[in-house]
Amino acid sequence: MSSHRLAATILFASLFSLNALAADAEVTLIIKNHRFEPAEVKVPANQRIKLVVHNQDSTPEEFESHSLNREKVIPGGAKAVIYIGPLKPGRYGFVGEFNEKTAVGAVVVD
């Protein structure tokens, strides 16, 4: 193997490893019957999280969290991605603003 090919292989492997380390953890949250399922999600501390919210209801819902500083309207039958973190350990509440009595949940960070 030539030294250029070896260097390119090492560089590719290094970049692939760095990309794998940098990948965001993914958590799925479902809205169904105007409730979040699961109502509580656990995520690791100090890591960016890709929160995929799938609204299985036919009506829109707004994911809102003051403690996470996020809000996003998700149309009925649609999915949305909300990035959160990195977060310190604790509990971060969220609600479905259009159904605050039933759509209640939290992100718990360990």
N, C-alpha and C. Protein backbone atom coordinates (compact mmCIF):
# COMPACT_ATOMS: atom_id res chain seq x y z
N MET A 1 0.86 -1.17 0.00
CA MET A 1 0.00 0.00 0.00
C MET A 1 0.89 1.23 0.00
N SER A 2 0.61 2.18 -0.89
CA SER A 2 1.41 3.39 -0.97
C SER A 2 1.20 4.25 0.27
N SER A 3 2.15 5.11 0.54
CA SER A 3 2.05 5.97 1.74
C SER A 3 0.88 6.95 1.60
N HIS A 4 0.57 7.39 0.38
CA HIS A 4 -0.58 8.28 0.18
C HIS A 4 -1.89 7.56 0.46
N ARG A 5 -1.98 6.33 -0.01
CA ARG A 5 -3.20 5.55 0.21
C ARG A 5 -3.36 5.23 1.70
N LEU A 6 -2.26 4.92 2.37
CA LEU A 6 -2.30 4.64 3.80
C LEU A 6 -2.73 5.88 4.57
N ALA A 7 -2.18 7.04 4.21
CA ALA A 7 -2.54 8.29 4.87
C ALA A 7 -4.02 8.61 4.66
N ALA A 8 -4.51 8.38 3.44
CA ALA A 8 -5.92 8.64 3.15
C ALA A 8 -6.82 7.70 3.95
N THR A 9 -6.42 6.45 4.07
CA THR A 9 -7.20 5.48 4.85
C THR A 9 -7.24 5.86 6.32
N ILE A 10 -6.11 6.26 6.87
CA ILE A 10 -6.05 6.69 8.28
C ILE A 10 -6.91 7.94 8.48
N LEU A 11 -6.81 8.89 7.56
CA LEU A 11 -7.61 10.12 7.67
C LEU A 11 -9.10 9.79 7.62
N PHE A 12 -9.51 8.94 6.70
CA PHE A 12 -10.92 8.55 6.59
C PHE A 12 -11.40 7.88 7.87
N ALA A 13 -10.62 6.96 8.39
CA ALA A 13 -10.99 6.26 9.63
C ALA A 13 -11.10 7.23 10.79
N SER A 14 -10.20 8.19 10.87
CA SER A 14 -10.25 9.19 11.95
C SER A 14 -11.49 10.06 11.84
N LEU A 15 -11.80 10.51 10.64
CA LEU A 15 -12.98 11.34 10.44
C LEU A 15 -14.25 10.56 10.73
N PHE A 16 -14.29 9.29 10.35
CA PHE A 16 -15.46 8.45 10.62
C PHE A 16 -15.64 8.29 12.12
N SER A 17 -14.55 8.07 12.85
CA SER A 17 -14.62 7.92 14.31
C SER A 17 -15.09 9.20 14.97
N LEU A 18 -14.59 10.34 14.55
CA LEU A 18 -15.01 11.62 15.11
C LEU A 18 -16.48 11.88 14.82
N ASN A 19 -16.95 11.55 13.63
CA ASN A 19 -18.35 11.73 13.27
C ASN A 19 -19.24 10.85 14.14
N ALA A 20 -18.84 9.63 14.40
CA ALA A 20 -19.62 8.73 15.24
C ALA A 20 -19.72 9.28 16.66
N LEU A 21 -18.61 9.85 17.16
CA LEU A 21 -18.63 10.42 18.51
C LEU A 21 -19.50 11.66 18.58
N ALA A 22 -19.56 12.42 17.50
CA ALA A 22 -20.30 13.67 17.48
C ALA A 22 -21.80 13.48 17.23
N ALA A 23 -22.20 12.27 16.89
CA ALA A 23 -23.61 12.03 16.57
C ALA A 23 -24.48 12.31 17.79
N ASP A 24 -25.62 12.95 17.54
CA ASP A 24 -26.55 13.27 18.61
C ASP A 24 -27.33 12.01 19.00
N ALA A 25 -27.59 11.88 20.31
CA ALA A 25 -28.48 10.81 20.76
C ALA A 25 -29.89 11.17 20.27
N GLU A 26 -30.67 10.18 19.90
CA GLU A 26 -32.01 10.42 19.38
C GLU A 26 -33.06 9.81 20.30
N VAL A 27 -34.06 10.61 20.63
CA VAL A 27 -35.17 10.18 21.48
C VAL A 27 -36.46 10.47 20.72
N THR A 28 -37.39 9.50 20.71
CA THR A 28 -38.68 9.69 20.04
C THR A 28 -39.75 9.92 21.09
N LEU A 29 -40.57 10.92 20.83
CA LEU A 29 -41.69 11.28 21.69
C LEU A 29 -42.93 11.30 20.81
N ILE A 30 -43.97 10.61 21.24
CA ILE A 30 -45.20 10.51 20.45
C ILE A 30 -46.32 11.30 21.12
N ILE A 31 -47.08 12.01 20.31
CA ILE A 31 -48.30 12.67 20.78
C ILE A 31 -49.46 11.83 20.27
N LYS A 32 -50.25 11.31 21.22
CA LYS A 32 -51.37 10.46 20.86
C LYS A 32 -52.48 10.68 21.89
N ASN A 33 -53.70 10.92 21.40
CA ASN A 33 -54.82 11.22 22.28
C ASN A 33 -54.53 12.42 23.18
N HIS A 34 -53.83 13.40 22.62
CA HIS A 34 -53.48 14.64 23.32
C HIS A 34 -52.63 14.39 24.55
N ARG A 35 -51.78 13.37 24.49
CA ARG A 35 -50.84 13.04 25.56
C ARG A 35 -49.49 12.72 24.94
N PHE A 36 -48.44 12.95 25.72
CA PHE A 36 -47.10 12.56 25.30
C PHE A 36 -46.82 11.13 25.75
N GLU A 37 -46.24 10.35 24.85
CA GLU A 37 -45.85 8.97 25.17
C GLU A 37 -44.41 8.77 24.74
N PRO A 38 -43.51 8.47 25.65
CA PRO A 38 -43.72 8.42 27.08
C PRO A 38 -43.82 9.83 27.65
N ALA A 39 -44.42 9.94 28.81
CA ALA A 39 -44.57 11.25 29.45
C ALA A 39 -43.24 11.74 30.03
N GLU A 40 -42.32 10.82 30.23
CA GLU A 40 -41.01 11.17 30.77
C GLU A 40 -39.94 10.47 29.95
N VAL A 41 -38.96 11.23 29.50
CA VAL A 41 -37.83 10.65 28.76
C VAL A 41 -36.56 10.93 29.53
N LYS A 42 -35.71 9.92 29.59
CA LYS A 42 -34.43 10.05 30.29
C LYS A 42 -33.32 10.17 29.27
N VAL A 43 -32.44 11.16 29.49
CA VAL A 43 -31.33 11.40 28.58
C VAL A 43 -30.06 11.62 29.40
N PRO A 44 -28.91 11.38 28.79
CA PRO A 44 -27.65 11.60 29.51
C PRO A 44 -27.32 13.09 29.61
N ALA A 45 -26.62 13.43 30.68
CA ALA A 45 -26.17 14.81 30.88
C ALA A 45 -25.07 15.16 29.88
N ASN A 46 -24.95 16.45 29.61
CA ASN A 46 -23.86 17.01 28.81
C ASN A 46 -23.78 16.44 27.40
N GLN A 47 -24.93 16.10 26.83
CA GLN A 47 -24.96 15.58 25.47
C GLN A 47 -26.12 16.23 24.72
N ARG A 48 -25.87 16.59 23.49
CA ARG A 48 -26.93 17.14 22.65
C ARG A 48 -27.88 16.02 22.26
N ILE A 49 -29.18 16.31 22.28
CA ILE A 49 -30.21 15.30 22.01
C ILE A 49 -31.06 15.74 20.83
N LYS A 50 -31.32 14.81 19.94
CA LYS A 50 -32.24 15.02 18.83
C LYS A 50 -33.58 14.42 19.26
N LEU A 51 -34.53 15.30 19.59
CA LEU A 51 -35.85 14.88 20.03
C LEU A 51 -36.77 14.86 18.81
N VAL A 52 -37.23 13.66 18.44
CA VAL A 52 -38.13 13.51 17.30
C VAL A 52 -39.54 13.39 17.87
N VAL A 53 -40.39 14.37 17.57
CA VAL A 53 -41.75 14.40 18.09
C VAL A 53 -42.70 14.03 16.95
N HIS A 54 -43.44 12.93 17.15
CA HIS A 54 -44.37 12.44 16.13
C HIS A 54 -45.79 12.67 16.64
N ASN A 55 -46.50 13.57 16.00
CA ASN A 55 -47.88 13.87 16.38
C ASN A 55 -48.80 12.91 15.64
N GLN A 56 -49.29 11.91 16.34
CA GLN A 56 -50.18 10.93 15.72
C GLN A 56 -51.65 11.36 15.80
N ASP A 57 -51.92 12.48 16.46
CA ASP A 57 -53.29 13.02 16.46
C ASP A 57 -53.57 13.70 15.13
N SER A 58 -54.84 13.93 14.85
CA SER A 58 -55.22 14.60 13.60
C SER A 58 -55.17 16.12 13.73
N THR A 59 -55.01 16.62 14.94
CA THR A 59 -54.96 18.06 15.18
C THR A 59 -53.54 18.49 15.53
N PRO A 60 -53.20 19.75 15.29
CA PRO A 60 -51.84 20.21 15.63
C PRO A 60 -51.64 20.28 17.14
N GLU A 61 -50.40 20.24 17.53
CA GLU A 61 -50.01 20.43 18.93
C GLU A 61 -48.74 21.26 18.97
N GLU A 62 -48.61 22.06 20.02
CA GLU A 62 -47.39 22.85 20.18
C GLU A 62 -46.58 22.31 21.34
N PHE A 63 -45.38 21.82 21.04
CA PHE A 63 -44.44 21.41 22.08
C PHE A 63 -43.88 22.70 22.66
N GLU A 64 -44.02 22.86 23.98
CA GLU A 64 -43.50 24.08 24.61
C GLU A 64 -42.82 23.74 25.92
N SER A 65 -41.63 24.31 26.08
CA SER A 65 -40.87 24.14 27.32
C SER A 65 -40.10 25.41 27.61
N HIS A 66 -40.48 26.06 28.71
CA HIS A 66 -39.74 27.26 29.12
C HIS A 66 -38.36 26.89 29.62
N SER A 67 -38.25 25.77 30.36
CA SER A 67 -36.96 25.38 30.92
C SER A 67 -35.97 24.92 29.85
N LEU A 68 -36.48 24.41 28.73
CA LEU A 68 -35.62 24.02 27.61
C LEU A 68 -35.48 25.13 26.58
N ASN A 69 -36.28 26.18 26.74
CA ASN A 69 -36.29 27.30 25.81
C ASN A 69 -36.62 26.84 24.38
N ARG A 70 -37.68 26.03 24.27
CA ARG A 70 -38.09 25.50 22.97
C ARG A 70 -39.60 25.56 22.84
N GLU A 71 -40.07 25.85 21.63
CA GLU A 71 -41.47 25.70 21.28
C GLU A 71 -41.56 25.45 19.78
N LYS A 72 -42.47 24.53 19.44
CA LYS A 72 -42.61 24.16 18.03
C LYS A 72 -44.00 23.58 17.81
N VAL A 73 -44.68 24.09 16.80
CA VAL A 73 -45.99 23.54 16.42
C VAL A 73 -45.75 22.35 15.50
N ILE A 74 -46.42 21.24 15.82
CA ILE A 74 -46.32 20.03 15.02
C ILE A 74 -47.70 19.73 14.47
N PRO A 75 -47.88 19.84 13.15
CA PRO A 75 -49.20 19.57 12.56
C PRO A 75 -49.64 18.13 12.83
N GLY A 76 -50.95 17.91 12.76
CA GLY A 76 -51.49 16.56 12.92
C GLY A 76 -50.89 15.61 11.90
N GLY A 77 -50.48 14.42 12.37
CA GLY A 77 -49.91 13.42 11.48
C GLY A 77 -48.48 13.69 11.04
N ALA A 78 -47.84 14.70 11.60
CA ALA A 78 -46.50 15.08 11.16
C ALA A 78 -45.46 14.80 12.25
N LYS A 79 -44.20 14.89 11.84
CA LYS A 79 -43.07 14.76 12.75
C LYS A 79 -42.26 16.05 12.74
N ALA A 80 -41.62 16.33 13.87
CA ALA A 80 -40.73 17.49 13.96
C ALA A 80 -39.50 17.08 14.75
N VAL A 81 -38.39 17.73 14.45
CA VAL A 81 -37.15 17.50 15.18
C VAL A 81 -36.85 18.73 16.01
N ILE A 82 -36.57 18.50 17.29
CA ILE A 82 -36.23 19.58 18.21
C ILE A 82 -34.91 19.18 18.88
N TYR A 83 -33.88 20.00 18.72
CA TYR A 83 -32.60 19.72 19.36
C TYR A 83 -32.57 20.37 20.73
N ILE A 84 -32.13 19.60 21.73
CA ILE A 84 -31.99 20.12 23.08
C ILE A 84 -30.62 19.76 23.62
N GLY A 85 -30.15 20.54 24.58
CA GLY A 85 -28.89 20.24 25.24
C GLY A 85 -27.70 20.85 24.53
N PRO A 86 -26.56 20.53 25.12
CA PRO A 86 -26.29 19.67 26.26
C PRO A 86 -26.90 20.26 27.54
N LEU A 87 -27.40 19.36 28.39
CA LEU A 87 -28.11 19.78 29.60
C LEU A 87 -27.40 19.28 30.85
N LYS A 88 -27.57 20.05 31.91
CA LYS A 88 -27.08 19.64 33.23
C LYS A 88 -28.11 18.69 33.84
N PRO A 89 -27.70 17.84 34.78
CA PRO A 89 -28.67 16.96 35.44
C PRO A 89 -29.84 17.75 36.03
N GLY A 90 -31.02 17.19 35.90
CA GLY A 90 -32.22 17.85 36.42
C GLY A 90 -33.45 17.39 35.68
N ARG A 91 -34.54 18.08 35.95
CA ARG A 91 -35.83 17.76 35.34
C ARG A 91 -36.30 19.00 34.57
N TYR A 92 -36.64 18.81 33.30
CA TYR A 92 -37.05 19.89 32.41
C TYR A 92 -38.45 19.57 31.89
N GLY A 93 -39.44 20.31 32.36
CA GLY A 93 -40.82 20.05 31.99
C GLY A 93 -41.17 20.58 30.60
N PHE A 94 -42.19 19.97 29.99
CA PHE A 94 -42.74 20.45 28.73
C PHE A 94 -44.23 20.16 28.71
N VAL A 95 -44.95 20.89 27.87
CA VAL A 95 -46.39 20.71 27.71
C VAL A 95 -46.75 20.79 26.24
N GLY A 96 -47.94 20.28 25.94
CA GLY A 96 -48.56 20.53 24.65
C GLY A 96 -49.46 21.73 24.87
N GLU A 97 -49.07 22.88 24.37
CA GLU A 97 -49.77 24.12 24.70
C GLU A 97 -51.25 24.10 24.33
N PHE A 98 -51.62 23.33 23.30
CA PHE A 98 -53.02 23.30 22.90
C PHE A 98 -53.86 22.36 23.77
N ASN A 99 -53.20 21.53 24.58
CA ASN A 99 -53.88 20.58 25.46
C ASN A 99 -53.10 20.46 26.77
N GLU A 100 -52.92 21.58 27.46
CA GLU A 100 -52.05 21.62 28.64
C GLU A 100 -52.49 20.72 29.79
N LYS A 101 -53.77 20.38 29.86
CA LYS A 101 -54.25 19.54 30.96
C LYS A 101 -53.85 18.08 30.78
N THR A 102 -53.71 17.63 29.55
CA THR A 102 -53.38 16.22 29.31
C THR A 102 -51.99 16.01 28.72
N ALA A 103 -51.51 16.92 27.93
CA ALA A 103 -50.21 16.77 27.27
C ALA A 103 -49.12 17.40 28.14
N VAL A 104 -48.63 16.60 29.08
CA VAL A 104 -47.64 17.07 30.05
C VAL A 104 -46.52 16.05 30.10
N GLY A 105 -45.28 16.52 30.17
CA GLY A 105 -44.16 15.59 30.24
C GLY A 105 -42.91 16.25 30.77
N ALA A 106 -41.83 15.49 30.78
CA ALA A 106 -40.55 16.00 31.28
C ALA A 106 -39.39 15.24 30.65
N VAL A 107 -38.30 15.97 30.51
CA VAL A 107 -37.01 15.38 30.14
C VAL A 107 -36.23 15.29 31.45
N VAL A 108 -35.80 14.09 31.80
CA VAL A 108 -35.03 13.87 33.02
C VAL A 108 -33.59 13.59 32.60
N VAL A 109 -32.69 14.41 33.11
CA VAL A 109 -31.28 14.32 32.73
C VAL A 109 -30.49 13.75 33.89
N ASP A 110 -29.79 12.64 33.63
CA ASP A 110 -28.95 11.99 34.66
C ASP A 110 -27.49 12.31 34.41
